[in-house]
């Protein structure tokens, strides 16, 4: 069972990487042994489970992952490195910063935790200004509203999969909901959303993380692709729920309504998005 998580990814063109990396990714794309898109999430999850269930557990892999998500548009290759080690370090830092010390020691032995912190600190000292830049953002049990902003409703790609008689539709294979857009469009929509929010709601209310997403997108090549993947969340939604989920279009309508003086429309559309995902988040603590 995949984790109930969604993913925001940036795929950079091969030309955006250093020459030595270009050769590696070009050869990787031609490899028959690399994880394919249909099984990549499973491969990532299995790798993490084996690492954390080991004795002792290891919060981060010893080496950076050699894998990546790939996309091809015509003859152009786009690469989204997994960066499993970096993402694990960042996640471990967040967990350690929000968990009482005594409880943390039950999750990971103190010596292992300290070694993980030391390894991360050493990496940060030698990694340069872009050392902490990740191509993938992850969130559990919901999709943050700000993640819908870079996309358009027409960029929605839904696959429900097929189920055998008596099988729960949420367990079918090939089930996913994805949005993909160009970096130029993603930046333009994010900038427009920030302008609308600041103009009508002020600086404090403007952010609901839109600015954070916009700044993150600016870190990548301007000809990149941006992808929102519902990931394991599709396992929590039946076919009707997935077909009815138009969060991107609804949030866009809310912003348009706000900007054109249609406050009731803006509120109604925004509430639809918020209530949909709040109900999903409540499943995290369901018995």
Protein backbone atom coordinates (compact mmCIF):
# COMPACT_ATOMS: atom_id res chain seq x y z
CA UNK A 1 0.00 0.00 0.00
CA UNK A 2 1.45 3.33 -1.07
CA UNK A 3 1.62 6.17 1.47
CA UNK A 4 -1.30 8.58 1.30
CA UNK A 5 0.78 11.40 -0.12
CA UNK A 6 0.73 13.82 -3.06
CA UNK A 7 3.72 15.20 -4.95
CA UNK A 8 4.65 18.46 -6.64
CA UNK A 9 7.52 17.86 -9.07
CA UNK A 10 9.72 19.90 -11.38
CA UNK A 11 11.26 18.25 -14.44
CA UNK A 12 14.21 20.19 -15.84
CA UNK A 13 15.39 19.80 -19.44
CA UNK A 14 18.54 17.73 -19.79
CA UNK A 15 20.42 20.86 -20.89
CA UNK A 16 19.82 22.43 -17.45
CA UNK A 17 22.20 19.96 -15.78
CA UNK A 18 25.97 20.12 -15.61
CA UNK A 19 27.73 18.31 -18.44
CA UNK A 20 28.78 15.38 -16.26
CA UNK A 21 25.18 14.95 -15.05
CA UNK A 22 23.77 15.16 -18.56
CA UNK A 23 25.74 12.08 -19.58
CA UNK A 24 24.54 10.18 -16.52
CA UNK A 25 20.86 11.05 -17.06
CA UNK A 26 21.03 10.39 -20.81
CA UNK A 27 22.42 6.91 -20.14
CA UNK A 28 19.87 6.40 -17.36
CA UNK A 29 17.02 7.20 -19.75
CA UNK A 30 18.20 4.46 -22.09
CA UNK A 31 18.61 1.88 -19.31
CA UNK A 32 16.23 -1.08 -19.20
CA UNK A 33 16.80 -1.58 -15.48
CA UNK A 34 15.56 1.78 -14.20
CA UNK A 35 12.16 1.96 -12.44
CA UNK A 36 9.39 2.78 -14.89
CA UNK A 37 6.82 5.46 -14.11
CA UNK A 38 4.10 2.93 -13.29
CA UNK A 39 6.23 1.34 -10.54
CA UNK A 40 8.44 4.25 -9.46
CA UNK A 41 6.38 5.23 -6.40
CA UNK A 42 6.34 1.62 -5.25
CA UNK A 43 10.11 1.40 -5.69
CA UNK A 44 10.66 4.58 -3.67
CA UNK A 45 8.32 3.37 -0.92
CA UNK A 46 9.84 -0.12 -0.72
CA UNK A 47 13.33 1.34 -0.45
CA UNK A 48 12.27 3.62 2.44
CA UNK A 49 10.43 0.84 4.30
CA UNK A 50 13.42 -1.51 4.12
CA UNK A 51 15.70 1.23 5.41
CA UNK A 52 13.44 2.19 8.34
CA UNK A 53 12.61 -1.39 9.35
CA UNK A 54 16.27 -2.37 9.48
CA UNK A 55 18.12 -2.82 12.75
CA UNK A 56 19.11 -0.18 13.50
CA UNK A 57 16.83 2.02 11.34
CA UNK A 58 18.45 4.51 8.99
CA UNK A 59 16.58 7.81 8.51
CA UNK A 60 18.50 8.56 5.30
CA UNK A 61 20.28 6.38 2.74
CA UNK A 62 24.06 6.30 2.77
CA UNK A 63 24.24 7.52 -0.84
CA UNK A 64 22.05 9.74 -2.98
CA UNK A 65 19.55 7.93 -5.18
CA UNK A 66 20.64 7.35 -8.80
CA UNK A 67 16.99 7.36 -9.94
CA UNK A 68 14.74 9.99 -11.46
CA UNK A 69 11.31 10.52 -12.95
CA UNK A 70 11.53 11.17 -16.67
CA UNK A 71 9.31 12.84 -19.24
CA UNK A 72 9.79 13.17 -22.98
CA UNK A 73 8.19 15.89 -25.07
CA UNK A 74 8.87 15.19 -28.73
CA UNK A 75 12.66 14.62 -28.74
CA UNK A 76 13.39 16.53 -25.53
CA UNK A 77 14.17 14.72 -22.27
CA UNK A 78 13.09 16.18 -18.91
CA UNK A 79 14.51 14.89 -15.63
CA UNK A 80 13.19 15.04 -12.06
CA UNK A 81 15.80 13.44 -9.76
CA UNK A 82 14.43 11.54 -6.76
CA UNK A 83 17.02 13.08 -4.41
CA UNK A 84 15.98 10.53 -1.79
CA UNK A 85 18.88 11.25 0.55
CA UNK A 86 18.35 15.02 0.57
CA UNK A 87 14.58 14.70 0.97
CA UNK A 88 15.09 12.20 3.81
CA UNK A 89 17.49 14.55 5.58
CA UNK A 90 15.02 17.42 5.29
CA UNK A 91 12.12 15.29 6.51
CA UNK A 92 14.18 13.98 9.42
CA UNK A 93 15.13 17.53 10.40
CA UNK A 94 11.46 18.55 10.45
CA UNK A 95 10.51 15.49 12.49
CA UNK A 96 13.36 16.02 14.96
CA UNK A 97 12.44 19.67 15.37
CA UNK A 98 8.80 18.92 16.19
CA UNK A 99 9.14 15.77 18.33
CA UNK A 100 10.05 15.63 22.05
CA UNK A 101 13.55 14.25 22.63
CA UNK A 102 12.40 11.25 24.68
CA UNK A 103 9.89 10.26 22.01
CA UNK A 104 12.42 10.82 19.24
CA UNK A 105 14.84 8.40 20.91
CA UNK A 106 12.18 5.70 20.60
CA UNK A 107 11.97 6.23 16.85
CA UNK A 108 15.69 6.38 16.12
CA UNK A 109 18.61 5.51 18.46
CA UNK A 110 20.38 8.65 19.64
CA UNK A 111 23.71 7.69 18.03
CA UNK A 112 22.05 7.12 14.63
CA UNK A 113 20.14 10.39 14.90
CA UNK A 114 23.29 12.35 15.72
CA UNK A 115 25.19 10.73 12.86
CA UNK A 116 22.36 11.63 10.48
CA UNK A 117 22.48 15.25 11.65
CA UNK A 118 26.27 15.35 11.28
CA UNK A 119 26.11 13.93 7.75
CA UNK A 120 23.51 16.53 6.78
CA UNK A 121 25.51 19.38 8.28
CA UNK A 122 28.61 18.26 6.39
CA UNK A 123 26.60 18.09 3.17
CA UNK A 124 25.25 21.61 3.67
CA UNK A 125 28.76 22.99 4.21
CA UNK A 126 30.08 21.51 0.98
CA UNK A 127 27.00 21.49 -1.25
CA UNK A 128 26.94 25.11 -2.38
CA UNK A 129 24.03 27.53 -2.67
CA UNK A 130 21.71 25.05 -4.36
CA UNK A 131 22.45 22.19 -1.95
CA UNK A 132 18.97 22.19 -0.41
CA UNK A 133 16.99 22.58 -3.63
CA UNK A 134 14.69 19.61 -4.14
CA UNK A 135 12.85 18.81 -7.35
CA UNK A 136 10.05 17.09 -5.41
CA UNK A 137 7.77 18.33 -2.65
CA UNK A 138 5.62 15.90 -0.70
CA UNK A 139 2.56 16.31 1.49
CA UNK A 140 0.56 13.64 3.33
CA UNK A 141 -3.24 13.20 3.48
CA UNK A 142 -4.08 16.26 1.37
CA UNK A 143 -3.03 18.64 -1.37
CA UNK A 144 -2.28 22.19 -0.13
CA UNK A 145 -4.43 24.83 -1.92
CA UNK A 146 -1.30 26.64 -3.12
CA UNK A 147 -0.29 23.57 -5.14
CA UNK A 148 -3.32 23.99 -7.41
CA UNK A 149 -2.42 27.56 -8.38
CA UNK A 150 0.24 26.80 -11.07
CA UNK A 151 -2.18 24.68 -13.12
CA UNK A 152 -5.25 25.01 -15.33
CA UNK A 153 -8.29 22.74 -15.21
CA UNK A 154 -7.70 21.68 -18.82
CA UNK A 155 -4.32 20.21 -17.86
CA UNK A 156 -5.99 17.50 -15.76
CA UNK A 157 -5.18 13.88 -16.64
CA UNK A 158 -7.34 11.29 -14.88
CA UNK A 159 -7.00 7.49 -15.15
CA UNK A 160 -9.40 5.41 -13.07
CA UNK A 161 -8.04 1.99 -13.97
CA UNK A 162 -10.14 -1.13 -14.30
CA UNK A 163 -11.35 -3.38 -11.49
CA UNK A 164 -12.50 -6.98 -11.41
CA UNK A 165 -16.01 -7.80 -10.11
CA UNK A 166 -16.13 -7.37 -6.36
CA UNK A 167 -12.84 -5.45 -6.20
CA UNK A 168 -12.77 -2.08 -4.44
CA UNK A 169 -12.33 0.54 -7.18
CA UNK A 170 -9.76 2.39 -5.07
CA UNK A 171 -7.33 -0.54 -5.32
CA UNK A 172 -7.24 -0.77 -9.11
CA UNK A 173 -3.87 -0.56 -10.85
CA UNK A 174 -2.92 2.37 -13.05
CA UNK A 175 -5.12 4.71 -11.02
CA UNK A 176 -3.92 8.33 -10.93
CA UNK A 177 -4.76 12.00 -11.26
CA UNK A 178 -2.05 14.28 -12.60
CA UNK A 179 -1.68 17.85 -13.84
CA UNK A 180 1.29 18.93 -15.99
CA UNK A 181 2.13 22.40 -17.25
CA UNK A 182 5.07 24.43 -18.51
CA UNK A 183 7.21 26.41 -16.08
CA UNK A 184 6.29 29.63 -17.87
CA UNK A 185 2.58 29.01 -17.29
CA UNK A 186 3.14 27.90 -13.70
CA UNK A 187 5.07 31.08 -12.87
CA UNK A 188 2.56 33.33 -14.64
CA UNK A 189 -0.39 31.81 -12.77
CA UNK A 190 1.39 31.95 -9.42
CA UNK A 191 2.32 35.61 -9.95
CA UNK A 192 -1.24 36.47 -10.93
CA UNK A 193 -2.62 34.68 -7.84
CA UNK A 194 -0.26 36.62 -5.57
CA UNK A 195 -1.29 39.91 -7.16
CA UNK A 196 -4.99 39.15 -6.71
CA UNK A 197 -4.60 38.02 -3.11
CA UNK A 198 -2.47 41.00 -2.13
CA UNK A 199 -4.74 43.48 -3.88
CA UNK A 200 -7.91 42.22 -2.23
CA UNK A 201 -6.84 40.55 1.01
CA UNK A 202 -3.59 42.27 1.94
CA UNK A 203 -0.11 40.94 2.65
CA UNK A 204 -0.99 38.76 5.65
CA UNK A 205 -3.82 36.91 3.93
CA UNK A 206 -2.10 36.77 0.58
CA UNK A 207 0.19 33.93 1.24
CA UNK A 208 -1.53 30.66 2.03
CA UNK A 209 1.84 29.33 0.78
CA UNK A 210 1.41 30.67 -2.78
CA UNK A 211 4.49 32.87 -2.38
CA UNK A 212 6.52 29.92 -1.11
CA UNK A 213 5.56 27.83 -4.15
CA UNK A 214 6.25 30.76 -6.50
CA UNK A 215 9.74 31.29 -5.02
CA UNK A 216 10.47 27.56 -5.32
CA UNK A 217 9.51 27.53 -9.00
CA UNK A 218 11.90 30.41 -9.66
CA UNK A 219 14.83 28.19 -8.65
CA UNK A 220 14.56 26.02 -11.78
CA UNK A 221 15.23 26.30 -15.50
CA UNK A 222 12.58 28.46 -17.24
CA UNK A 223 11.84 25.70 -19.77
CA UNK A 224 11.06 23.07 -17.12
CA UNK A 225 7.80 21.19 -16.64
CA UNK A 226 5.76 21.24 -13.43
CA UNK A 227 3.66 18.28 -12.32
CA UNK A 228 1.07 17.78 -9.58
CA UNK A 229 0.57 14.07 -8.82
CA UNK A 230 -2.19 12.94 -6.42
CA UNK A 231 -0.02 9.87 -5.74
CA UNK A 232 -1.42 7.56 -3.07
CA UNK A 233 -4.34 9.90 -2.34
CA UNK A 234 -6.25 8.33 -5.23
CA UNK A 235 -6.52 5.20 -3.03
CA UNK A 236 -8.71 7.19 -0.64
CA UNK A 237 -11.11 8.40 -3.34
CA UNK A 238 -13.64 6.37 -5.29
CA UNK A 239 -14.28 6.95 -8.99
CA UNK A 240 -17.09 9.45 -8.38
CA UNK A 241 -14.93 11.48 -5.98
CA UNK A 242 -12.01 11.61 -8.43
CA UNK A 243 -14.22 12.59 -11.34
CA UNK A 244 -15.85 15.31 -9.25
CA UNK A 245 -12.53 16.69 -8.00
CA UNK A 246 -12.00 19.91 -9.94
CA UNK A 247 -9.88 21.62 -7.28
CA UNK A 248 -7.66 23.41 -9.80
CA UNK A 249 -10.59 24.86 -11.75
CA UNK A 250 -12.47 25.75 -8.55
CA UNK A 251 -9.53 27.62 -7.03
CA UNK A 252 -8.96 29.44 -10.31
CA UNK A 253 -12.64 30.45 -10.30
CA UNK A 254 -12.29 31.66 -6.69
CA UNK A 255 -9.37 33.91 -7.66
CA UNK A 256 -11.22 35.24 -10.70
CA UNK A 257 -14.31 35.91 -8.62
CA UNK A 258 -12.24 37.75 -6.03
CA UNK A 259 -10.60 39.87 -8.70
CA UNK A 260 -13.88 40.77 -10.44
CA UNK A 261 -15.88 41.66 -7.36
CA UNK A 262 -17.87 38.42 -7.25
CA UNK A 263 -17.21 37.76 -3.57
CA UNK A 264 -19.96 35.17 -3.13
CA UNK A 265 -18.65 33.10 -6.06
CA UNK A 266 -15.08 33.40 -4.77
CA UNK A 267 -16.10 32.27 -1.29
CA UNK A 268 -18.21 29.36 -2.58
CA UNK A 269 -15.45 28.04 -4.85
CA UNK A 270 -12.77 28.40 -2.19
CA UNK A 271 -14.95 26.65 0.39
CA UNK A 272 -15.48 23.71 -1.96
CA UNK A 273 -11.73 23.20 -2.22
CA UNK A 274 -11.05 23.67 1.48
CA UNK A 275 -13.87 21.41 2.70
CA UNK A 276 -12.95 18.65 0.23
CA UNK A 277 -9.39 18.47 1.51
CA UNK A 278 -10.23 19.00 5.18
CA UNK A 279 -12.44 15.93 5.02
CA UNK A 280 -9.52 14.04 3.49
CA UNK A 281 -7.12 15.19 6.21
CA UNK A 282 -9.50 13.95 8.90
CA UNK A 283 -8.91 10.40 7.65
CA UNK A 284 -5.39 10.57 9.11
CA UNK A 285 -6.83 10.29 12.62
CA UNK A 286 -9.77 8.03 11.72
CA UNK A 287 -10.09 4.87 13.80
